[in-house]
Amino acid sequence: MQKRKLGRSNLEVSALGLGCMGMSFSYGPAKDKQEMIPVIRAAVERGVTFFDTAEVYGPFINEELVGEALAPFRGQVVIATKFGFKLDPNTGKQAGLDSQPEHIKQVAEASLKRLRTDVIDLFYQHRVDPDVPIEDVAGAVKDLIQEGKVKHFGLSEAAAKTIRRAHSVQPVTAVQSEYSLWTRGPEAEVLPTLEELGIGFVPYSPLGKGFLTGKMDENTKLDSSDFRNILPRFTPEAMRANRALVDLLGKIAERKKATPAQIALAWLLAQKPWVVPIPGTTKLARLEENIGAVAIQLTSDDLRDIESAASKITVQGARYPEHIERLTGR
């Protein structure tokens, strides 16, 4: 497995990480912990050293899963988790945002216990809280870094100006936002800012929440608890229209003797040497397929072909409903 550095920080990770959210949250019912632990450990055995979780996934059970699965390998892996949501104490459901410094410190203590570790490698603000100056957020994480409880500070779905303000207080190691062939918002302002400041980029949903694998179409039936049911981009009409992107990946995949998912990941890896996608999966076969993307070299001709074909395709459907979209790009 190749390694990559997240920006100019000294945080070196595998070129592909593993997003663990879907094991416990969002994509239908939580999977059995005893079935997921072997998948996470198989990733370690295959050279993956970067694992992504958050207190809100479950809530809490995803951090517990990741903590248990990685306990035997703690010294050789990097664990990223997140703070920034307010959780209803009775239901555990999200109840708005909370990045007050005191709350950040409480979340860190609780996450350390669930992750069975004495330090969080990378601590992201999950969404920018408009009620708390980003300088105060960066200051709180700076305190945690000075106390030895956190190693690196990250932001998720933050706008370029917010990244700059945070970075001036505590250097930001990585920004995590959705980025893939069908979600290219970060290219306009965020990626140039990260390049300038020497910050790494971690694309989540690099396979378009499963759509870019080519395994879904307008007839796909999702579990009633699957959050893709509420996403405008996953209506049957939008899926039918967006097939053109999957067909494009399929054509390149044939040429490269690869799968559409591998081409989607290889395309991201080819964008910048400091980009580290974190595809999620619950299946060993998919894990191996995703890892195979690291060995695929897309030439400048391949990339030009993809760019040229993709520029003629208009993606149908917003990536989130408006009330969720409002939490991004602030």
C-alpha atoms as a PDB file:
ATOM      1  CA  MET A   1       0.000   0.000   0.000  1.00  0.00           C
ATOM      2  CA  GLN A   2       1.340   3.408  -0.955  1.00  0.00           C
ATOM      3  CA  LYS A   3       1.566   6.114   1.702  1.00  0.00           C
ATOM      4  CA  ARG A   4       0.633   9.780   1.448  1.00  0.00           C
ATOM      5  CA  LYS A   5       1.248  12.803   3.650  1.00  0.00           C
ATOM      6  CA  LEU A   6      -1.725  14.986   4.525  1.00  0.00           C
ATOM      7  CA  GLY A   7      -0.440  18.333   3.305  1.00  0.00           C
ATOM      8  CA  ARG A   8       2.720  19.699   4.899  1.00  0.00           C
ATOM      9  CA  SER A   9       1.954  18.045   8.224  1.00  0.00           C
ATOM     10  CA  ASN A  10       3.960  15.025   9.330  1.00  0.00           C
ATOM     11  CA  LEU A  11       0.799  12.874   9.293  1.00  0.00           C
ATOM     12  CA  GLU A  12       1.498   9.984   6.933  1.00  0.00           C
ATOM     13  CA  VAL A  13      -1.342   7.586   6.119  1.00  0.00           C
ATOM     14  CA  SER A  14      -2.188   4.903   3.560  1.00  0.00           C
ATOM     15  CA  ALA A  15      -3.193   6.365   0.182  1.00  0.00           C
ATOM     16  CA  LEU A  16      -6.706   5.040   0.813  1.00  0.00           C
ATOM     17  CA  GLY A  17      -8.413   5.098   4.194  1.00  0.00           C
ATOM     18  CA  LEU A  18     -11.509   3.285   5.432  1.00  0.00           C
ATOM     19  CA  GLY A  19     -14.670   5.215   6.254  1.00  0.00           C
ATOM     20  CA  CYS A  20     -16.389   3.235   9.006  1.00  0.00           C
ATOM     21  CA  MET A  21     -19.701   5.152   9.307  1.00  0.00           C
ATOM     22  CA  GLY A  22     -21.774   2.775   7.180  1.00  0.00           C
ATOM     23  CA  MET A  23     -21.012  -0.126   9.508  1.00  0.00           C
ATOM     24  CA  SER A  24     -23.201   1.454  12.194  1.00  0.00           C
ATOM     25  CA  PHE A  25     -25.157   4.343  10.713  1.00  0.00           C
ATOM     26  CA  SER A  26     -26.956   5.893   7.724  1.00  0.00           C
ATOM     27  CA  TYR A  27     -26.999   2.966   5.298  1.00  0.00           C
ATOM     28  CA  GLY A  28     -29.746   0.848   6.825  1.00  0.00           C
ATOM     29  CA  PRO A  29     -29.608  -0.960  10.199  1.00  0.00           C
ATOM     30  CA  ALA A  30     -26.300  -1.154  12.080  1.00  0.00           C
ATOM     31  CA  LYS A  31     -24.310  -4.221  11.098  1.00  0.00           C
ATOM     32  CA  ASP A  32     -23.306  -6.870  13.612  1.00  0.00           C
ATOM     33  CA  LYS A  33     -20.163  -5.758  15.427  1.00  0.00           C
ATOM     34  CA  GLN A  34     -18.676  -9.264  15.295  1.00  0.00           C
ATOM     35  CA  GLU A  35     -18.974  -9.207  11.490  1.00  0.00           C
ATOM     36  CA  MET A  36     -17.455  -5.727  11.127  1.00  0.00           C
ATOM     37  CA  ILE A  37     -14.389  -6.210  13.340  1.00  0.00           C
ATOM     38  CA  PRO A  38     -12.849  -8.727  10.871  1.00  0.00           C
ATOM     39  CA  VAL A  39     -13.437  -6.275   7.977  1.00  0.00           C
ATOM     40  CA  ILE A  40     -11.596  -3.475   9.813  1.00  0.00           C
ATOM     41  CA  ARG A  41      -8.771  -5.831  10.779  1.00  0.00           C
ATOM     42  CA  ALA A  42      -8.549  -7.143   7.212  1.00  0.00           C
ATOM     43  CA  ALA A  43      -8.019  -3.542   6.095  1.00  0.00           C
ATOM     44  CA  VAL A  44      -5.062  -3.240   8.487  1.00  0.00           C
ATOM     45  CA  GLU A  45      -3.605  -6.503   7.188  1.00  0.00           C
ATOM     46  CA  ARG A  46      -3.811  -5.117   3.643  1.00  0.00           C
ATOM     47  CA  GLY A  47      -1.941  -1.949   4.530  1.00  0.00           C
ATOM     48  CA  VAL A  48      -4.742   0.508   5.360  1.00  0.00           C
ATOM     49  CA  THR A  49      -3.617   2.730   8.241  1.00  0.00           C
ATOM     50  CA  PHE A  50      -6.280   5.488   8.211  1.00  0.00           C
ATOM     51  CA  PHE A  51      -9.701   4.944   9.800  1.00  0.00           C
ATOM     52  CA  ASP A  52     -12.555   7.441  10.010  1.00  0.00           C
ATOM     53  CA  THR A  53     -15.354   7.550  12.582  1.00  0.00           C
ATOM     54  CA  ALA A  54     -17.378  10.102  14.627  1.00  0.00           C
ATOM     55  CA  GLU A  55     -19.280  10.217  17.918  1.00  0.00           C
ATOM     56  CA  VAL A  56     -22.511  10.894  16.023  1.00  0.00           C
ATOM     57  CA  TYR A  57     -22.302   7.659  13.990  1.00  0.00           C
ATOM     58  CA  GLY A  58     -24.742   5.470  15.859  1.00  0.00           C
ATOM     59  CA  PRO A  59     -24.369   7.590  17.980  1.00  0.00           C
ATOM     60  CA  PHE A  60     -21.315   6.267  19.830  1.00  0.00           C
ATOM     61  CA  ILE A  61     -21.401   2.643  18.634  1.00  0.00           C
ATOM     62  CA  ASN A  62     -19.178   3.292  15.619  1.00  0.00           C
ATOM     63  CA  GLU A  63     -16.386   4.711  17.780  1.00  0.00           C
ATOM     64  CA  GLU A  64     -16.736   1.696  20.095  1.00  0.00           C
ATOM     65  CA  LEU A  65     -16.500  -0.667  17.108  1.00  0.00           C
ATOM     66  CA  VAL A  66     -13.430   1.092  15.703  1.00  0.00           C
ATOM     67  CA  GLY A  67     -11.797   1.219  19.144  1.00  0.00           C
ATOM     68  CA  GLU A  68     -12.273  -2.494  19.724  1.00  0.00           C
ATOM     69  CA  ALA A  69     -11.251  -3.530  16.200  1.00  0.00           C
ATOM     70  CA  LEU A  70      -8.074  -1.448  16.183  1.00  0.00           C
ATOM     71  CA  ALA A  71      -6.949  -1.961  19.798  1.00  0.00           C
ATOM     72  CA  PRO A  72      -4.379  -4.650  18.823  1.00  0.00           C
ATOM     73  CA  PHE A  73      -2.908  -2.388  16.116  1.00  0.00           C
ATOM     74  CA  ARG A  74      -3.126   0.986  17.869  1.00  0.00           C
ATOM     75  CA  GLY A  75       0.504   1.951  17.314  1.00  0.00           C
ATOM     76  CA  GLN A  76       0.372   1.423  13.559  1.00  0.00           C
ATOM     77  CA  VAL A  77      -2.912   3.134  12.621  1.00  0.00           C
ATOM     78  CA  VAL A  78      -4.293   6.675  12.486  1.00  0.00           C
ATOM     79  CA  ILE A  79      -7.811   7.170  13.874  1.00  0.00           C
ATOM     80  CA  ALA A  80      -9.850  10.244  12.928  1.00  0.00           C
ATOM     81  CA  THR A  81     -13.022  11.191  14.776  1.00  0.00           C
ATOM     82  CA  LYS A  82     -15.238  14.277  14.976  1.00  0.00           C
ATOM     83  CA  PHE A  83     -17.040  16.702  17.266  1.00  0.00           C
ATOM     84  CA  GLY A  84     -19.586  19.434  16.719  1.00  0.00           C
ATOM     85  CA  PHE A  85     -23.108  18.029  16.979  1.00  0.00           C
ATOM     86  CA  LYS A  86     -25.456  18.411  19.911  1.00  0.00           C
ATOM     87  CA  LEU A  87     -27.025  15.064  20.813  1.00  0.00           C
ATOM     88  CA  ASP A  88     -30.360  14.677  22.587  1.00  0.00           C
ATOM     89  CA  PRO A  89     -29.500  12.940  25.901  1.00  0.00           C
ATOM     90  CA  ASN A  90     -32.703  10.869  25.772  1.00  0.00           C
ATOM     91  CA  THR A  91     -32.798   9.706  22.152  1.00  0.00           C
ATOM     92  CA  GLY A  92     -29.156  10.167  21.097  1.00  0.00           C
ATOM     93  CA  LYS A  93     -30.425  11.906  17.947  1.00  0.00           C
ATOM     94  CA  GLN A  94     -28.760  14.993  16.483  1.00  0.00           C
ATOM     95  CA  ALA A  95     -30.262  18.152  17.948  1.00  0.00           C
ATOM     96  CA  GLY A  96     -28.345  20.903  16.187  1.00  0.00           C
ATOM     97  CA  LEU A  97     -24.717  21.985  16.362  1.00  0.00           C
ATOM     98  CA  ASP A  98     -22.479  22.610  19.356  1.00  0.00           C
ATOM     99  CA  SER A  99     -18.842  23.596  18.971  1.00  0.00           C
ATOM    100  CA  GLN A 100     -18.568  25.492  22.260  1.00  0.00           C
ATOM    101  CA  PRO A 101     -15.010  24.961  23.560  1.00  0.00           C
ATOM    102  CA  GLU A 102     -16.284  23.264  26.726  1.00  0.00           C
ATOM    103  CA  HIS A 103     -18.362  20.831  24.662  1.00  0.00           C
ATOM    104  CA  ILE A 104     -15.414  20.043  22.352  1.00  0.00           C
ATOM    105  CA  LYS A 105     -13.346  19.050  25.385  1.00  0.00           C
ATOM    106  CA  GLN A 106     -16.134  16.850  26.774  1.00  0.00           C
ATOM    107  CA  VAL A 107     -16.508  15.082  23.419  1.00  0.00           C
ATOM    108  CA  ALA A 108     -12.747  14.468  23.271  1.00  0.00           C
ATOM    109  CA  GLU A 109     -12.757  12.791  26.701  1.00  0.00           C
ATOM    110  CA  ALA A 110     -15.712  10.563  25.785  1.00  0.00           C
ATOM    111  CA  SER A 111     -14.250   9.661  22.373  1.00  0.00           C
ATOM    112  CA  LEU A 112     -10.899   8.710  23.943  1.00  0.00           C
ATOM    113  CA  LYS A 113     -12.693   6.171  26.146  1.00  0.00           C
ATOM    114  CA  ARG A 114     -14.777   4.691  23.327  1.00  0.00           C
ATOM    115  CA  LEU A 115     -11.755   4.491  21.028  1.00  0.00           C
ATOM    116  CA  ARG A 116      -9.718   2.812  23.827  1.00  0.00           C
ATOM    117  CA  THR A 117      -6.828   5.186  23.317  1.00  0.00           C
ATOM    118  CA  ASP A 118      -5.036   8.001  25.085  1.00  0.00           C
ATOM    119  CA  VAL A 119      -4.772  10.262  22.040  1.00  0.00           C
ATOM    120  CA  ILE A 120      -6.986  11.119  19.043  1.00  0.00           C
ATOM    121  CA  ASP A 121      -4.802  11.275  15.933  1.00  0.00           C
ATOM    122  CA  LEU A 122      -7.061  13.632  13.948  1.00  0.00           C
ATOM    123  CA  PHE A 123      -9.979  15.547  15.481  1.00  0.00           C
ATOM    124  CA  TYR A 124     -12.329  17.186  12.964  1.00  0.00           C
ATOM    125  CA  GLN A 125     -15.039  19.740  13.523  1.00  0.00           C
ATOM    126  CA  HIS A 126     -17.889  17.807  11.879  1.00  0.00           C
ATOM    127  CA  ARG A 127     -19.762  20.894  10.642  1.00  0.00           C
ATOM    128  CA  VAL A 128     -19.024  24.583  11.078  1.00  0.00           C
ATOM    129  CA  ASP A 129     -21.100  26.079  13.913  1.00  0.00           C
ATOM    130  CA  PRO A 130     -22.213  29.611  12.963  1.00  0.00           C
ATOM    131  CA  ASP A 131     -22.747  30.444  16.647  1.00  0.00           C
ATOM    132  CA  VAL A 132     -19.126  29.847  17.664  1.00  0.00           C
ATOM    133  CA  PRO A 133     -16.239  31.803  16.099  1.00  0.00           C
ATOM    134  CA  ILE A 134     -13.960  29.337  14.299  1.00  0.00           C
ATOM    135  CA  GLU A 135     -11.014  30.904  16.161  1.00  0.00           C
ATOM    136  CA  ASP A 136     -12.542  29.666  19.450  1.00  0.00           C
ATOM    137  CA  VAL A 137     -12.964  26.177  17.985  1.00  0.00           C
ATOM    138  CA  ALA A 138      -9.351  26.106  16.769  1.00  0.00           C
ATOM    139  CA  GLY A 139      -8.233  27.399  20.180  1.00  0.00           C
ATOM    140  CA  ALA A 140     -10.067  24.601  21.999  1.00  0.00           C
ATOM    141  CA  VAL A 141      -8.431  21.950  19.811  1.00  0.00           C
ATOM    142  CA  LYS A 142      -5.073  23.694  20.259  1.00  0.00           C
ATOM    143  CA  ASP A 143      -5.525  23.264  24.031  1.00  0.00           C
ATOM    144  CA  LEU A 144      -6.262  19.558  23.542  1.00  0.00           C
ATOM    145  CA  ILE A 145      -3.131  19.218  21.378  1.00  0.00           C
ATOM    146  CA  GLN A 146      -1.031  20.925  24.058  1.00  0.00           C
ATOM    147  CA  GLU A 147      -2.493  18.540  26.657  1.00  0.00           C
ATOM    148  CA  GLY A 148      -1.450  15.586  24.492  1.00  0.00           C
ATOM    149  CA  LYS A 149      -5.029  14.359  23.962  1.00  0.00           C
ATOM    150  CA  VAL A 150      -5.185  15.216  20.252  1.00  0.00           C
ATOM    151  CA  LYS A 151      -2.420  15.197  17.625  1.00  0.00           C
ATOM    152  CA  HIS A 152      -3.987  16.957  14.612  1.00  0.00           C
ATOM    153  CA  PHE A 153      -6.858  19.363  13.902  1.00  0.00           C
ATOM    154  CA  GLY A 154      -9.262  18.975  10.980  1.00  0.00           C
ATOM    155  CA  LEU A 155     -12.367  20.609   9.526  1.00  0.00           C
ATOM    156  CA  SER A 156     -15.228  19.056   7.570  1.00  0.00           C
ATOM    157  CA  GLU A 157     -17.301  20.766   4.850  1.00  0.00           C
ATOM    158  CA  ALA A 158     -15.751  24.150   5.698  1.00  0.00           C
ATOM    159  CA  ALA A 159     -15.483  27.055   3.247  1.00  0.00           C
ATOM    160  CA  ALA A 160     -12.107  28.467   2.189  1.00  0.00           C
ATOM    161  CA  LYS A 161     -12.357  31.603   4.351  1.00  0.00           C
ATOM    162  CA  THR A 162     -13.221  29.533   7.446  1.00  0.00           C
ATOM    163  CA  ILE A 163     -10.262  27.226   6.783  1.00  0.00           C
ATOM    164  CA  ARG A 164      -7.932  30.268   6.631  1.00  0.00           C
ATOM    165  CA  ARG A 165      -9.248  31.708   9.888  1.00  0.00           C
ATOM    166  CA  ALA A 166      -8.938  28.388  11.728  1.00  0.00           C
ATOM    167  CA  HIS A 167      -5.476  27.710  10.305  1.00  0.00           C
ATOM    168  CA  SER A 168      -4.176  31.045  11.636  1.00  0.00           C
ATOM    169  CA  VAL A 169      -4.930  29.896  15.221  1.00  0.00           C
ATOM    170  CA  GLN A 170      -4.067  26.178  15.009  1.00  0.00           C
ATOM    171  CA  PRO A 171      -2.638  24.677  11.826  1.00  0.00           C
ATOM    172  CA  VAL A 172      -5.245  22.535  10.089  1.00  0.00           C
ATOM    173  CA  THR A 173      -3.837  19.157   9.023  1.00  0.00           C
ATOM    174  CA  ALA A 174      -6.770  17.967   6.894  1.00  0.00           C
ATOM    175  CA  VAL A 175     -10.131  19.036   5.528  1.00  0.00           C
ATOM    176  CA  GLN A 176     -12.754  16.382   4.887  1.00  0.00           C
ATOM    177  CA  SER A 177     -15.551  17.140   2.429  1.00  0.00           C
ATOM    178  CA  GLU A 178     -17.596  15.217  -0.083  1.00  0.00           C
ATOM    179  CA  TYR A 179     -15.716  14.981  -3.365  1.00  0.00           C
ATOM    180  CA  SER A 180     -16.077  12.635  -6.307  1.00  0.00           C
ATOM    181  CA  LEU A 181     -16.736  12.709 -10.033  1.00  0.00           C
ATOM    182  CA  TRP A 182     -20.330  13.744  -9.308  1.00  0.00           C
ATOM    183  CA  THR A 183     -19.646  16.200  -6.435  1.00  0.00           C
ATOM    184  CA  ARG A 184     -16.956  18.625  -7.501  1.00  0.00           C
ATOM    185  CA  GLY A 185     -17.698  21.688  -5.384  1.00  0.00           C
ATOM    186  CA  PRO A 186     -14.326  21.700  -3.565  1.00  0.00           C
ATOM    187  CA  GLU A 187     -12.439  22.337  -6.821  1.00  0.00           C
ATOM    188  CA  ALA A 188     -13.452  25.996  -7.060  1.00  0.00           C
ATOM    189  CA  GLU A 189     -12.038  27.441  -3.826  1.00  0.00           C
ATOM    190  CA  VAL A 190     -11.271  24.774  -1.247  1.00  0.00           C
ATOM    191  CA  LEU A 191      -8.615  22.742  -3.087  1.00  0.00           C
ATOM    192  CA  PRO A 192      -6.581  25.825  -4.169  1.00  0.00           C
ATOM    193  CA  THR A 193      -6.692  27.099  -0.557  1.00  0.00           C
ATOM    194  CA  LEU A 194      -5.495  23.740   0.787  1.00  0.00           C
ATOM    195  CA  GLU A 195      -2.661  23.639  -1.739  1.00  0.00           C
ATOM    196  CA  GLU A 196      -1.558  27.133  -0.748  1.00  0.00           C
ATOM    197  CA  LEU A 197      -1.688  26.418   3.000  1.00  0.00           C
ATOM    198  CA  GLY A 198      -0.264  22.894   2.842  1.00  0.00           C
ATOM    199  CA  ILE A 199      -3.375  21.117   4.166  1.00  0.00           C
ATOM    200  CA  GLY A 200      -4.382  17.564   3.192  1.00  0.00           C
ATOM    201  CA  PHE A 201      -7.766  16.694   1.697  1.00  0.00           C
ATOM    202  CA  VAL A 202      -9.881  13.676   2.645  1.00  0.00           C
ATOM    203  CA  PRO A 203     -12.799  13.061   0.249  1.00  0.00           C
ATOM    204  CA  TYR A 204     -15.717  11.276   1.884  1.00  0.00           C
ATOM    205  CA  SER A 205     -18.342   9.474  -0.235  1.00  0.00           C
ATOM    206  CA  PRO A 206     -15.692   9.110  -2.984  1.00  0.00           C
ATOM    207  CA  LEU A 207     -17.944   6.523  -4.665  1.00  0.00           C
ATOM    208  CA  GLY A 208     -20.989   8.803  -4.639  1.00  0.00           C
ATOM    209  CA  LYS A 209     -22.617   6.978  -1.687  1.00  0.00           C
ATOM    210  CA  GLY A 210     -22.448   3.777  -3.713  1.00  0.00           C
ATOM    211  CA  PHE A 211     -23.853   5.123  -6.971  1.00  0.00           C
ATOM    212  CA  LEU A 212     -20.530   5.348  -8.836  1.00  0.00           C
ATOM    213  CA  THR A 213     -19.838   1.637  -8.302  1.00  0.00           C
ATOM    214  CA  GLY A 214     -22.374   0.863 -11.038  1.00  0.00           C
ATOM    215  CA  LYS A 215     -24.235  -1.451  -8.653  1.00  0.00           C
ATOM    216  CA  MET A 216     -27.278   0.837  -8.304  1.00  0.00           C
ATOM    217  CA  ASP A 217     -29.972   2.033 -10.689  1.00  0.00           C
ATOM    218  CA  GLU A 218     -33.479   3.517 -10.553  1.00  0.00           C
ATOM    219  CA  ASN A 219     -34.892   0.106  -9.573  1.00  0.00           C
ATOM    220  CA  THR A 220     -32.631  -0.324  -6.531  1.00  0.00           C
ATOM    221  CA  LYS A 221     -34.700  -0.757  -3.364  1.00  0.00           C
ATOM    222  CA  LEU A 222     -33.115   0.728  -0.250  1.00  0.00           C
ATOM    223  CA  ASP A 223     -33.891  -0.216   3.336  1.00  0.00           C
ATOM    224  CA  SER A 224     -36.430   2.158   4.906  1.00  0.00           C
ATOM    225  CA  SER A 225     -33.787   3.366   7.387  1.00  0.00           C
ATOM    226  CA  ASP A 226     -31.252   4.159   4.620  1.00  0.00           C
ATOM    227  CA  PHE A 227     -30.665   7.923   4.539  1.00  0.00           C
ATOM    228  CA  ARG A 228     -30.215   7.898   0.743  1.00  0.00           C
ATOM    229  CA  ASN A 229     -34.022   7.701   0.588  1.00  0.00           C
ATOM    230  CA  ILE A 230     -34.155  11.432   1.422  1.00  0.00           C
ATOM    231  CA  LEU A 231     -31.399  12.535  -0.977  1.00  0.00           C
ATOM    232  CA  PRO A 232     -32.620  14.314  -4.142  1.00  0.00           C
ATOM    233  CA  ARG A 233     -29.860  12.642  -6.148  1.00  0.00           C
ATOM    234  CA  PHE A 234     -31.243   9.192  -5.331  1.00  0.00           C
ATOM    235  CA  THR A 235     -34.737   9.628  -6.733  1.00  0.00           C
ATOM    236  CA  PRO A 236     -35.401   7.147  -9.585  1.00  0.00           C
ATOM    237  CA  GLU A 237     -35.451  10.023 -12.119  1.00  0.00           C
ATOM    238  CA  ALA A 238     -32.106  11.427 -10.952  1.00  0.00           C
ATOM    239  CA  MET A 239     -30.512   7.978 -10.874  1.00  0.00           C
ATOM    240  CA  ARG A 240     -31.672   7.307 -14.412  1.00  0.00           C
ATOM    241  CA  ALA A 241     -30.236  10.636 -15.602  1.00  0.00           C
ATOM    242  CA  ASN A 242     -26.976  10.182 -13.701  1.00  0.00           C
ATOM    243  CA  ARG A 243     -26.283   6.743 -15.222  1.00  0.00           C
ATOM    244  CA  ALA A 244     -24.257   8.596 -17.861  1.00  0.00           C
ATOM    245  CA  LEU A 245     -21.471   9.125 -15.308  1.00  0.00           C
ATOM    246  CA  VAL A 246     -21.403   5.445 -14.397  1.00  0.00           C
ATOM    247  CA  ASP A 247     -21.297   4.534 -18.094  1.00  0.00           C
ATOM    248  CA  LEU A 248     -18.294   6.842 -18.502  1.00  0.00           C
ATOM    249  CA  LEU A 249     -16.481   5.133 -15.598  1.00  0.00           C
ATOM    250  CA  GLY A 250     -17.404   1.760 -17.111  1.00  0.00           C
ATOM    251  CA  LYS A 251     -15.788   2.656 -20.444  1.00  0.00           C
ATOM    252  CA  ILE A 252     -12.521   3.702 -18.800  1.00  0.00           C
ATOM    253  CA  ALA A 253     -12.682   0.649 -16.528  1.00  0.00           C
ATOM    254  CA  GLU A 254     -12.855  -1.686 -19.537  1.00  0.00           C
ATOM    255  CA  ARG A 255      -9.804  -0.012 -21.003  1.00  0.00           C
ATOM    256  CA  LYS A 256      -7.897  -0.410 -17.729  1.00  0.00           C
ATOM    257  CA  LYS A 257      -9.237  -3.894 -16.868  1.00  0.00           C
ATOM    258  CA  ALA A 258     -10.667  -2.431 -13.677  1.00  0.00           C
ATOM    259  CA  THR A 259     -14.094  -1.731 -12.145  1.00  0.00           C
ATOM    260  CA  PRO A 260     -16.016   1.574 -12.218  1.00  0.00           C
ATOM    261  CA  ALA A 261     -15.401   1.960  -8.458  1.00  0.00           C
ATOM    262  CA  GLN A 262     -11.660   1.567  -8.942  1.00  0.00           C
ATOM    263  CA  ILE A 263     -11.623   4.206 -11.688  1.00  0.00           C
ATOM    264  CA  ALA A 264     -13.645   6.614  -9.513  1.00  0.00           C
ATOM    265  CA  LEU A 265     -11.067   6.213  -6.709  1.00  0.00           C
ATOM    266  CA  ALA A 266      -8.055   6.305  -9.046  1.00  0.00           C
ATOM    267  CA  TRP A 267      -9.408   9.573 -10.500  1.00  0.00           C
ATOM    268  CA  LEU A 268      -9.430  11.119  -7.007  1.00  0.00           C
ATOM    269  CA  LEU A 269      -5.941   9.824  -6.213  1.00  0.00           C
ATOM    270  CA  ALA A 270      -4.704  11.381  -9.472  1.00  0.00           C
ATOM    271  CA  GLN A 271      -5.984  14.864  -8.559  1.00  0.00           C
ATOM    272  CA  LYS A 272      -3.314  15.735  -5.966  1.00  0.00           C
ATOM    273  CA  PRO A 273      -0.667  13.767  -4.026  1.00  0.00           C
ATOM    274  CA  TRP A 274      -2.205  15.021  -0.751  1.00  0.00           C
ATOM    275  CA  VAL A 275      -5.704  13.663  -1.454  1.00  0.00           C
ATOM    276  CA  VAL A 276      -6.657  10.569   0.595  1.00  0.00           C
ATOM    277  CA  PRO A 277     -10.154   9.174  -0.143  1.00  0.00           C
ATOM    278  CA  ILE A 278     -11.979   7.179   2.549  1.00  0.00           C
ATOM    279  CA  PRO A 279     -14.428   4.811   0.826  1.00  0.00           C
ATOM    280  CA  GLY A 280     -16.599   2.878   3.234  1.00  0.00           C
ATOM    281  CA  THR A 281     -17.723  -0.715   2.954  1.00  0.00           C
ATOM    282  CA  THR A 282     -19.048  -3.548   5.085  1.00  0.00           C
ATOM    283  CA  LYS A 283     -17.810  -6.305   2.749  1.00  0.00           C
ATOM    284  CA  LEU A 284     -14.367  -7.829   2.443  1.00  0.00           C
ATOM    285  CA  ALA A 285     -14.642  -8.240  -1.350  1.00  0.00           C
ATOM    286  CA  ARG A 286     -15.458  -4.526  -1.770  1.00  0.00           C
ATOM    287  CA  LEU A 287     -12.598  -3.582   0.551  1.00  0.00           C
ATOM    288  CA  GLU A 288     -10.184  -5.523  -1.668  1.00  0.00           C
ATOM    289  CA  GLU A 289     -11.701  -3.996  -4.818  1.00  0.00           C
ATOM    290  CA  ASN A 290     -11.263  -0.479  -3.404  1.00  0.00           C
ATOM    291  CA  ILE A 291      -7.668  -1.122  -2.338  1.00  0.00           C
ATOM    292  CA  GLY A 292      -6.975  -2.296  -5.903  1.00  0.00           C
ATOM    293  CA  ALA A 293      -7.596   1.288  -7.080  1.00  0.00           C
ATOM    294  CA  VAL A 294      -4.258   2.406  -5.618  1.00  0.00           C
ATOM    295  CA  ALA A 295      -2.359   0.372  -8.236  1.00  0.00           C
ATOM    296  CA  ILE A 296      -4.237   1.897 -11.186  1.00  0.00           C
ATOM    297  CA  GLN A 297      -2.320   4.605 -13.011  1.00  0.00           C
ATOM    298  CA  LEU A 298      -4.501   6.991 -14.978  1.00  0.00           C
ATOM    299  CA  THR A 299      -2.425   8.689 -17.680  1.00  0.00           C
ATOM    300  CA  SER A 300      -2.851  12.338 -18.618  1.00  0.00           C
ATOM    301  CA  ASP A 301      -4.781  11.075 -21.665  1.00  0.00           C
ATOM    302  CA  ASP A 302      -7.109   9.025 -19.454  1.00  0.00           C
ATOM    303  CA  LEU A 303      -7.701  12.036 -17.214  1.00  0.00           C
ATOM    304  CA  ARG A 304      -8.344  14.272 -20.231  1.00  0.00           C
ATOM    305  CA  ASP A 305     -10.857  11.773 -21.604  1.00  0.00           C
ATOM    306  CA  ILE A 306     -12.669  11.584 -18.265  1.00  0.00           C
ATOM    307  CA  GLU A 307     -12.692  15.378 -17.923  1.00  0.00           C
ATOM    308  CA  SER A 308     -13.933  15.916 -21.444  1.00  0.00           C
ATOM    309  CA  ALA A 309     -16.753  13.365 -21.134  1.00  0.00           C
ATOM    310  CA  ALA A 310     -17.709  14.437 -17.603  1.00  0.00           C
ATOM    311  CA  SER A 311     -17.957  18.100 -18.658  1.00  0.00           C
ATOM    312  CA  LYS A 312     -20.809  17.158 -21.006  1.00  0.00           C
ATOM    313  CA  ILE A 313     -22.796  15.460 -18.216  1.00  0.00           C
ATOM    314  CA  THR A 314     -24.979  17.548 -15.907  1.00  0.00           C
ATOM    315  CA  VAL A 315     -25.518  15.755 -12.606  1.00  0.00           C
ATOM    316  CA  GLN A 316     -29.203  15.717 -11.677  1.00  0.00           C
ATOM    317  CA  GLY A 317     -30.424  16.274  -8.121  1.00  0.00           C
ATOM    318  CA  ALA A 318     -28.938  18.120  -5.142  1.00  0.00           C
ATOM    319  CA  ARG A 319     -26.574  16.063  -3.000  1.00  0.00           C
ATOM    320  CA  TYR A 320     -28.554  16.816   0.184  1.00  0.00           C
ATOM    321  CA  PRO A 321     -31.994  18.209   1.048  1.00  0.00           C
ATOM    322  CA  GLU A 322     -31.782  21.928   1.726  1.00  0.00           C
ATOM    323  CA  HIS A 323     -31.842  21.714   5.552  1.00  0.00           C
ATOM    324  CA  ILE A 324     -28.716  19.508   5.477  1.00  0.00           C
ATOM    325  CA  GLU A 325     -27.004  21.387   2.646  1.00  0.00           C
ATOM    326  CA  ARG A 326     -27.224  24.549   4.764  1.00  0.00           C
ATOM    327  CA  LEU A 327     -24.726  22.982   7.192  1.00  0.00           C
ATOM    328  CA  THR A 328     -22.031  22.728   4.521  1.00  0.00           C
ATOM    329  CA  GLY A 329     -19.619  25.180   2.928  1.00  0.00           C
ATOM    330  CA  ARG A 330     -19.662  27.718   5.742  1.00  0.00           C
END
